[in-house]
Amino acid sequence: GLAVMLRKHIGCVVLEAKNPTEALDILEKQDVCLVITDL
């Protein structure tokens, strides 16, 4: 739901990860400028 809102209002690419391990794997492979993470 948040990804849809960000794509609509910010005009950016939104990648998704379900946990920190998956997030780190994405960060190693792709260029990202901002991370929004749950605790």
All heavy atoms as atom14 arrays in JSON, in Angstrom:
{
  "sequence": "GLAVMLRKHIGCVVLEAKNPTEALDILEKQDVCLVITDL",
  "atom14_mask": [
    [1, 1, 1, 1, 0, 0, 0, 0, 0, 0, 0, 0, 0, 0],
    [1, 1, 1, 1, 1, 1, 1, 1, 0, 0, 0, 0, 0, 0],
    [1, 1, 1, 1, 1, 0, 0, 0, 0, 0, 0, 0, 0, 0],
    [1, 1, 1, 1, 1, 1, 1, 0, 0, 0, 0, 0, 0, 0],
    [1, 1, 1, 1, 1, 1, 1, 1, 0, 0, 0, 0, 0, 0],
    [1, 1, 1, 1, 1, 1, 1, 1, 0, 0, 0, 0, 0, 0],
    [1, 1, 1, 1, 1, 1, 1, 1, 1, 1, 1, 0, 0, 0],
    [1, 1, 1, 1, 1, 1, 1, 1, 1, 0, 0, 0, 0, 0],
    [1, 1, 1, 1, 1, 1, 1, 1, 1, 1, 0, 0, 0, 0],
    [1, 1, 1, 1, 1, 1, 1, 1, 0, 0, 0, 0, 0, 0],
    [1, 1, 1, 1, 0, 0, 0, 0, 0, 0, 0, 0, 0, 0],
    [1, 1, 1, 1, 1, 1, 0, 0, 0, 0, 0, 0, 0, 0],
    [1, 1, 1, 1, 1, 1, 1, 0, 0, 0, 0, 0, 0, 0],
    [1, 1, 1, 1, 1, 1, 1, 0, 0, 0, 0, 0, 0, 0],
    [1, 1, 1, 1, 1, 1, 1, 1, 0, 0, 0, 0, 0, 0],
    [1, 1, 1, 1, 1, 1, 1, 1, 1, 0, 0, 0, 0, 0],
    [1, 1, 1, 1, 1, 0, 0, 0, 0, 0, 0, 0, 0, 0],
    [1, 1, 1, 1, 1, 1, 1, 1, 1, 0, 0, 0, 0, 0],
    [1, 1, 1, 1, 1, 1, 1, 1, 0, 0, 0, 0, 0, 0],
    [1, 1, 1, 1, 1, 1, 1, 0, 0, 0, 0, 0, 0, 0],
    [1, 1, 1, 1, 1, 1, 1, 0, 0, 0, 0, 0, 0, 0],
    [1, 1, 1, 1, 1, 1, 1, 1, 1, 0, 0, 0, 0, 0],
    [1, 1, 1, 1, 1, 0, 0, 0, 0, 0, 0, 0, 0, 0],
    [1, 1, 1, 1, 1, 1, 1, 1, 0, 0, 0, 0, 0, 0],
    [1, 1, 1, 1, 1, 1, 1, 1, 0, 0, 0, 0, 0, 0],
    [1, 1, 1, 1, 1, 1, 1, 1, 0, 0, 0, 0, 0, 0],
    [1, 1, 1, 1, 1, 1, 1, 1, 0, 0, 0, 0, 0, 0],
    [1, 1, 1, 1, 1, 1, 1, 1, 1, 0, 0, 0, 0, 0],
    [1, 1, 1, 1, 1, 1, 1, 1, 1, 0, 0, 0, 0, 0],
    [1, 1, 1, 1, 1, 1, 1, 1, 1, 0, 0, 0, 0, 0],
    [1, 1, 1, 1, 1, 1, 1, 1, 0, 0, 0, 0, 0, 0],
    [1, 1, 1, 1, 1, 1, 1, 0, 0, 0, 0, 0, 0, 0],
    [1, 1, 1, 1, 1, 1, 0, 0, 0, 0, 0, 0, 0, 0],
    [1, 1, 1, 1, 1, 1, 1, 1, 0, 0, 0, 0, 0, 0],
    [1, 1, 1, 1, 1, 1, 1, 0, 0, 0, 0, 0, 0, 0],
    [1, 1, 1, 1, 1, 1, 1, 1, 0, 0, 0, 0, 0, 0],
    [1, 1, 1, 1, 1, 1, 1, 0, 0, 0, 0, 0, 0, 0],
    [1, 1, 1, 1, 1, 1, 1, 1, 0, 0, 0, 0, 0, 0],
    [1, 1, 1, 1, 1, 1, 1, 1, 0, 0, 0, 0, 0, 0]
  ],
  "atom14_positions": [
    [[0.82, -1.21, 0.0], [0.0, 0.0, 0.0], [0.85, 1.26, 0.0], [0.59, 2.21, -0.75], [0.0, 0.0, 0.0], [0.0, 0.0, 0.0], [0.0, 0.0, 0.0], [0.0, 0.0, 0.0], [0.0, 0.0, 0.0], [0.0, 0.0, 0.0], [0.0, 0.0, 0.0], [0.0, 0.0, 0.0], [0.0, 0.0, 0.0], [0.0, 0.0, 0.0]],
    [[1.9, 1.28, 0.83], [2.79, 2.44, 0.86], [3.57, 2.56, -0.44], [3.79, 3.67, -0.94], [3.75, 2.33, 2.05], [4.75, 3.48, 2.22], [4.03, 4.82, 2.33], [5.63, 3.25, 3.45], [0.0, 0.0, 0.0], [0.0, 0.0, 0.0], [0.0, 0.0, 0.0], [0.0, 0.0, 0.0], [0.0, 0.0, 0.0], [0.0, 0.0, 0.0]],
    [[3.99, 1.44, -1.0], [4.74, 1.47, -2.26], [3.91, 2.13, -3.36], [4.44, 2.93, -4.15], [5.14, 0.05, -2.66], [0.0, 0.0, 0.0], [0.0, 0.0, 0.0], [0.0, 0.0, 0.0], [0.0, 0.0, 0.0], [0.0, 0.0, 0.0], [0.0, 0.0, 0.0], [0.0, 0.0, 0.0], [0.0, 0.0, 0.0], [0.0, 0.0, 0.0]],
    [[2.63, 1.8, -3.42], [1.74, 2.4, -4.43], [1.68, 3.92, -4.25], [1.76, 4.69, -5.22], [0.33, 1.79, -4.34], [-0.66, 2.59, -5.19], [0.34, 0.34, -4.8], [0.0, 0.0, 0.0], [0.0, 0.0, 0.0], [0.0, 0.0, 0.0], [0.0, 0.0, 0.0], [0.0, 0.0, 0.0], [0.0, 0.0, 0.0], [0.0, 0.0, 0.0]],
    [[1.55, 4.38, -3.01], [1.46, 5.82, -2.73], [2.75, 6.54, -3.1], [2.73, 7.65, -3.66], [1.14, 6.05, -1.25], [-0.23, 5.55, -0.82], [-1.58, 6.37, -1.7], [-1.42, 8.05, -1.06], [0.0, 0.0, 0.0], [0.0, 0.0, 0.0], [0.0, 0.0, 0.0], [0.0, 0.0, 0.0], [0.0, 0.0, 0.0], [0.0, 0.0, 0.0]],
    [[3.89, 5.92, -2.81], [5.17, 6.56, -3.12], [5.39, 6.65, -4.62], [5.88, 7.66, -5.12], [6.31, 5.8, -2.45], [6.33, 5.81, -0.92], [7.52, 5.01, -0.39], [6.38, 7.23, -0.38], [0.0, 0.0, 0.0], [0.0, 0.0, 0.0], [0.0, 0.0, 0.0], [0.0, 0.0, 0.0], [0.0, 0.0, 0.0], [0.0, 0.0, 0.0]],
    [[5.04, 5.59, -5.34], [5.19, 5.64, -6.8], [4.3, 6.73, -7.39], [4.7, 7.43, -8.34], [4.83, 4.28, -7.41], [5.8, 3.16, -7.06], [5.45, 1.87, -7.81], [6.29, 0.76, -7.37], [5.86, -0.24, -6.59], [4.59, -0.28, -6.19], [6.69, -1.2, -6.23], [0.0, 0.0, 0.0], [0.0, 0.0, 0.0], [0.0, 0.0, 0.0]],
    [[3.14, 6.9, -6.83], [2.17, 7.86, -7.36], [2.59, 9.3, -7.07], [2.54, 10.16, -7.95], [0.79, 7.58, -6.77], [-0.28, 8.58, -7.19], [-1.63, 8.25, -6.56], [-2.69, 9.27, -6.96], [-4.0, 8.98, -6.3], [0.0, 0.0, 0.0], [0.0, 0.0, 0.0], [0.0, 0.0, 0.0], [0.0, 0.0, 0.0], [0.0, 0.0, 0.0]],
    [[3.0, 9.57, -5.83], [3.22, 10.96, -5.4], [4.68, 11.41, -5.5], [4.95, 12.6, -5.58], [2.73, 11.14, -3.96], [1.25, 11.01, -3.81], [0.38, 12.01, -4.18], [0.49, 9.99, -3.35], [-0.87, 11.62, -3.94], [-0.83, 10.4, -3.44], [0.0, 0.0, 0.0], [0.0, 0.0, 0.0], [0.0, 0.0, 0.0], [0.0, 0.0, 0.0]],
    [[5.62, 10.47, -5.47], [7.04, 10.84, -5.54], [7.58, 10.64, -6.95], [8.49, 11.34, -7.38], [7.88, 10.02, -4.54], [7.38, 10.27, -3.11], [9.35, 10.39, -4.62], [7.58, 11.67, -2.6], [0.0, 0.0, 0.0], [0.0, 0.0, 0.0], [0.0, 0.0, 0.0], [0.0, 0.0, 0.0], [0.0, 0.0, 0.0], [0.0, 0.0, 0.0]],
    [[7.03, 9.69, -7.67], [7.52, 9.41, -9.02], [8.85, 8.7, -9.0], [9.8, 9.14, -9.66], [0.0, 0.0, 0.0], [0.0, 0.0, 0.0], [0.0, 0.0, 0.0], [0.0, 0.0, 0.0], [0.0, 0.0, 0.0], [0.0, 0.0, 0.0], [0.0, 0.0, 0.0], [0.0, 0.0, 0.0], [0.0, 0.0, 0.0], [0.0, 0.0, 0.0]],
    [[8.95, 7.64, -8.23], [10.22, 6.95, -8.06], [10.03, 5.44, -8.21], [8.92, 4.93, -8.24], [10.8, 7.25, -6.68], [9.69, 6.79, -5.34], [0.0, 0.0, 0.0], [0.0, 0.0, 0.0], [0.0, 0.0, 0.0], [0.0, 0.0, 0.0], [0.0, 0.0, 0.0], [0.0, 0.0, 0.0], [0.0, 0.0, 0.0], [0.0, 0.0, 0.0]],
    [[11.15, 4.72, -8.31], [11.13, 3.27, -8.31], [11.1, 2.8, -6.86], [11.92, 3.24, -6.05], [12.37, 2.71, -9.03], [12.42, 1.19, -8.9], [12.38, 3.13, -10.48], [0.0, 0.0, 0.0], [0.0, 0.0, 0.0], [0.0, 0.0, 0.0], [0.0, 0.0, 0.0], [0.0, 0.0, 0.0], [0.0, 0.0, 0.0], [0.0, 0.0, 0.0]],
    [[10.17, 1.93, -6.51], [10.08, 1.41, -5.14], [10.36, -0.09, -5.16], [9.61, -0.87, -5.75], [8.71, 1.68, -4.51], [8.68, 1.15, -3.07], [8.4, 3.17, -4.51], [0.0, 0.0, 0.0], [0.0, 0.0, 0.0], [0.0, 0.0, 0.0], [0.0, 0.0, 0.0], [0.0, 0.0, 0.0], [0.0, 0.0, 0.0], [0.0, 0.0, 0.0]],
    [[11.46, -0.49, -4.53], [11.8, -1.9, -4.36], [11.28, -2.36, -3.01], [11.18, -1.56, -2.07], [13.31, -2.09, -4.45], [13.99, -1.49, -5.69], [15.5, -1.6, -5.57], [13.5, -2.17, -6.96], [0.0, 0.0, 0.0], [0.0, 0.0, 0.0], [0.0, 0.0, 0.0], [0.0, 0.0, 0.0], [0.0, 0.0, 0.0], [0.0, 0.0, 0.0]],
    [[10.96, -3.63, -2.89], [10.37, -4.13, -1.65], [11.15, -5.31, -1.09], [11.67, -6.14, -1.85], [8.91, -4.53, -1.89], [8.02, -3.39, -2.35], [6.59, -3.85, -2.59], [6.08, -4.65, -1.76], [5.99, -3.43, -3.6], [0.0, 0.0, 0.0], [0.0, 0.0, 0.0], [0.0, 0.0, 0.0], [0.0, 0.0, 0.0], [0.0, 0.0, 0.0]],
    [[11.26, -5.35, 0.24], [11.89, -6.47, 0.93], [11.07, -6.77, 2.18], [10.56, -5.87, 2.84], [13.33, -6.14, 1.31], [0.0, 0.0, 0.0], [0.0, 0.0, 0.0], [0.0, 0.0, 0.0], [0.0, 0.0, 0.0], [0.0, 0.0, 0.0], [0.0, 0.0, 0.0], [0.0, 0.0, 0.0], [0.0, 0.0, 0.0], [0.0, 0.0, 0.0]],
    [[10.98, -8.07, 2.51], [10.15, -8.46, 3.66], [10.94, -8.58, 4.96], [10.36, -8.74, 6.02], [9.41, -9.77, 3.36], [10.28, -10.97, 3.08], [9.41, -12.19, 2.83], [10.23, -13.44, 2.5], [10.91, -13.33, 1.2], [0.0, 0.0, 0.0], [0.0, 0.0, 0.0], [0.0, 0.0, 0.0], [0.0, 0.0, 0.0], [0.0, 0.0, 0.0]],
    [[12.29, -8.51, 4.87], [13.11, -8.58, 6.08], [14.49, -7.95, 5.81], [14.86, -7.74, 4.66], [13.26, -10.03, 6.56], [13.85, -10.93, 5.48], [14.92, -10.67, 4.94], [13.12, -12.01, 5.16], [0.0, 0.0, 0.0], [0.0, 0.0, 0.0], [0.0, 0.0, 0.0], [0.0, 0.0, 0.0], [0.0, 0.0, 0.0], [0.0, 0.0, 0.0]],
    [[15.26, -7.66, 6.87], [16.58, -7.02, 6.69], [17.55, -7.83, 5.85], [18.35, -7.26, 5.1], [17.08, -6.86, 8.12], [15.84, -6.75, 8.94], [14.88, -7.69, 8.3], [0.0, 0.0, 0.0], [0.0, 0.0, 0.0], [0.0, 0.0, 0.0], [0.0, 0.0, 0.0], [0.0, 0.0, 0.0], [0.0, 0.0, 0.0], [0.0, 0.0, 0.0]],
    [[17.51, -9.16, 5.96], [18.43, -10.0, 5.16], [18.18, -9.81, 3.68], [19.11, -9.61, 2.88], [18.26, -11.48, 5.54], [18.53, -11.64, 6.94], [19.22, -12.35, 4.74], [0.0, 0.0, 0.0], [0.0, 0.0, 0.0], [0.0, 0.0, 0.0], [0.0, 0.0, 0.0], [0.0, 0.0, 0.0], [0.0, 0.0, 0.0], [0.0, 0.0, 0.0]],
    [[16.92, -9.85, 3.31], [16.55, -9.63, 1.91], [16.91, -8.21, 1.47], [17.34, -7.98, 0.34], [15.05, -9.88, 1.74], [14.58, -9.87, 0.29], [13.11, -10.24, 0.18], [12.71, -11.26, 0.78], [12.37, -9.51, -0.52], [0.0, 0.0, 0.0], [0.0, 0.0, 0.0], [0.0, 0.0, 0.0], [0.0, 0.0, 0.0], [0.0, 0.0, 0.0]],
    [[16.76, -7.25, 2.39], [17.08, -5.85, 2.08], [18.56, -5.69, 1.78], [18.94, -5.01, 0.8], [16.68, -4.96, 3.26], [0.0, 0.0, 0.0], [0.0, 0.0, 0.0], [0.0, 0.0, 0.0], [0.0, 0.0, 0.0], [0.0, 0.0, 0.0], [0.0, 0.0, 0.0], [0.0, 0.0, 0.0], [0.0, 0.0, 0.0], [0.0, 0.0, 0.0]],
    [[19.42, -6.3, 2.59], [20.86, -6.19, 2.37], [21.26, -6.82, 1.04], [22.15, -6.31, 0.34], [21.62, -6.85, 3.51], [21.63, -6.07, 4.83], [22.22, -6.93, 5.95], [22.42, -4.77, 4.69], [0.0, 0.0, 0.0], [0.0, 0.0, 0.0], [0.0, 0.0, 0.0], [0.0, 0.0, 0.0], [0.0, 0.0, 0.0], [0.0, 0.0, 0.0]],
    [[20.61, -7.9, 0.67], [20.89, -8.54, -0.61], [20.56, -7.61, -1.77], [21.3, -7.51, -2.75], [20.09, -9.84, -0.72], [20.45, -10.63, -1.97], [21.65, -10.94, -2.15], [19.55, -10.91, -2.77], [0.0, 0.0, 0.0], [0.0, 0.0, 0.0], [0.0, 0.0, 0.0], [0.0, 0.0, 0.0], [0.0, 0.0, 0.0], [0.0, 0.0, 0.0]],
    [[19.44, -6.91, -1.66], [19.04, -5.96, -2.71], [20.03, -4.8, -2.78], [20.43, -4.36, -3.86], [17.61, -5.44, -2.45], [16.59, -6.58, -2.64], [17.27, -4.27, -3.36], [15.18, -6.22, -2.26], [0.0, 0.0, 0.0], [0.0, 0.0, 0.0], [0.0, 0.0, 0.0], [0.0, 0.0, 0.0], [0.0, 0.0, 0.0], [0.0, 0.0, 0.0]],
    [[20.44, -4.3, -1.6], [21.36, -3.16, -1.56], [22.72, -3.5, -2.18], [23.4, -2.62, -2.72], [21.55, -2.69, -0.11], [20.33, -2.05, 0.55], [20.62, -1.73, 2.01], [19.89, -0.8, -0.19], [0.0, 0.0, 0.0], [0.0, 0.0, 0.0], [0.0, 0.0, 0.0], [0.0, 0.0, 0.0], [0.0, 0.0, 0.0], [0.0, 0.0, 0.0]],
    [[23.13, -4.76, -2.06], [24.41, -5.18, -2.65], [24.34, -5.2, -4.17], [25.35, -5.02, -4.85], [24.78, -6.58, -2.15], [25.13, -6.66, -0.67], [26.53, -6.1, -0.38], [27.24, -5.75, -1.33], [26.88, -6.03, 0.81], [0.0, 0.0, 0.0], [0.0, 0.0, 0.0], [0.0, 0.0, 0.0], [0.0, 0.0, 0.0], [0.0, 0.0, 0.0]],
    [[23.14, -5.39, -4.72], [23.02, -5.59, -6.17], [22.47, -4.38, -6.92], [22.68, -4.26, -8.14], [22.09, -6.79, -6.44], [22.62, -8.11, -5.88], [21.61, -9.23, -6.08], [22.13, -10.55, -5.51], [21.12, -11.65, -5.62], [0.0, 0.0, 0.0], [0.0, 0.0, 0.0], [0.0, 0.0, 0.0], [0.0, 0.0, 0.0], [0.0, 0.0, 0.0]],
    [[21.74, -3.5, -6.24], [21.07, -2.41, -6.95], [21.38, -1.06, -6.31], [21.69, -0.97, -5.12], [19.55, -2.63, -6.95], [19.14, -3.95, -7.6], [17.68, -3.96, -7.99], [17.16, -2.99, -8.52], [17.01, -5.07, -7.73], [0.0, 0.0, 0.0], [0.0, 0.0, 0.0], [0.0, 0.0, 0.0], [0.0, 0.0, 0.0], [0.0, 0.0, 0.0]],
    [[21.3, -0.02, -7.14], [21.51, 1.35, -6.67], [20.24, 1.85, -6.0], [19.18, 1.92, -6.64], [21.88, 2.27, -7.84], [23.24, 1.96, -8.41], [24.11, 1.53, -7.63], [23.44, 2.15, -9.62], [0.0, 0.0, 0.0], [0.0, 0.0, 0.0], [0.0, 0.0, 0.0], [0.0, 0.0, 0.0], [0.0, 0.0, 0.0], [0.0, 0.0, 0.0]],
    [[20.37, 2.23, -4.75], [19.24, 2.73, -3.97], [19.71, 3.99, -3.25], [20.85, 4.09, -2.81], [18.76, 1.68, -2.94], [17.67, 2.26, -2.05], [18.25, 0.44, -3.66], [0.0, 0.0, 0.0], [0.0, 0.0, 0.0], [0.0, 0.0, 0.0], [0.0, 0.0, 0.0], [0.0, 0.0, 0.0], [0.0, 0.0, 0.0], [0.0, 0.0, 0.0]],
    [[18.82, 4.98, -3.15], [19.21, 6.21, -2.46], [18.51, 6.4, -1.13], [18.92, 7.22, -0.32], [18.98, 7.43, -3.35], [17.27, 7.68, -3.81], [0.0, 0.0, 0.0], [0.0, 0.0, 0.0], [0.0, 0.0, 0.0], [0.0, 0.0, 0.0], [0.0, 0.0, 0.0], [0.0, 0.0, 0.0], [0.0, 0.0, 0.0], [0.0, 0.0, 0.0]],
    [[17.43, 5.64, -0.87], [16.69, 5.82, 0.38], [16.13, 4.48, 0.82], [15.59, 3.71, 0.01], [15.55, 6.82, 0.18], [14.61, 7.05, 1.37], [15.35, 7.72, 2.52], [13.42, 7.9, 0.95], [0.0, 0.0, 0.0], [0.0, 0.0, 0.0], [0.0, 0.0, 0.0], [0.0, 0.0, 0.0], [0.0, 0.0, 0.0], [0.0, 0.0, 0.0]],
    [[16.26, 4.19, 2.12], [15.69, 2.98, 2.71], [14.65, 3.38, 3.76], [14.94, 4.2, 4.63], [16.77, 2.09, 3.37], [16.13, 0.9, 4.09], [17.76, 1.59, 2.33], [0.0, 0.0, 0.0], [0.0, 0.0, 0.0], [0.0, 0.0, 0.0], [0.0, 0.0, 0.0], [0.0, 0.0, 0.0], [0.0, 0.0, 0.0], [0.0, 0.0, 0.0]],
    [[13.47, 2.81, 3.65], [12.43, 2.97, 4.68], [12.23, 1.6, 5.3], [11.83, 0.65, 4.62], [11.11, 3.48, 4.08], [11.34, 4.8, 3.34], [10.06, 3.66, 5.17], [10.11, 5.32, 2.6], [0.0, 0.0, 0.0], [0.0, 0.0, 0.0], [0.0, 0.0, 0.0], [0.0, 0.0, 0.0], [0.0, 0.0, 0.0], [0.0, 0.0, 0.0]],
    [[12.51, 1.49, 6.59], [12.46, 0.17, 7.22], [11.64, 0.18, 8.51], [11.64, 1.16, 9.26], [13.87, -0.36, 7.51], [13.77, -1.66, 8.11], [14.63, 0.56, 8.44], [0.0, 0.0, 0.0], [0.0, 0.0, 0.0], [0.0, 0.0, 0.0], [0.0, 0.0, 0.0], [0.0, 0.0, 0.0], [0.0, 0.0, 0.0], [0.0, 0.0, 0.0]],
    [[10.96, -0.92, 8.73], [10.26, -1.15, 9.99], [11.27, -1.61, 11.04], [12.38, -2.07, 10.69], [9.19, -2.22, 9.78], [8.37, -2.47, 11.03], [7.86, -1.49, 11.59], [8.27, -3.63, 11.46], [0.0, 0.0, 0.0], [0.0, 0.0, 0.0], [0.0, 0.0, 0.0], [0.0, 0.0, 0.0], [0.0, 0.0, 0.0], [0.0, 0.0, 0.0]],
    [[10.93, -1.52, 12.32], [11.84, -1.96, 13.38], [11.82, -3.48, 13.57], [12.74, -4.04, 14.16], [11.46, -1.28, 14.71], [11.94, 0.16, 14.88], [11.51, 0.69, 16.22], [13.44, 0.25, 14.73], [0.0, 0.0, 0.0], [0.0, 0.0, 0.0], [0.0, 0.0, 0.0], [0.0, 0.0, 0.0], [0.0, 0.0, 0.0], [0.0, 0.0, 0.0]]
  ]
}
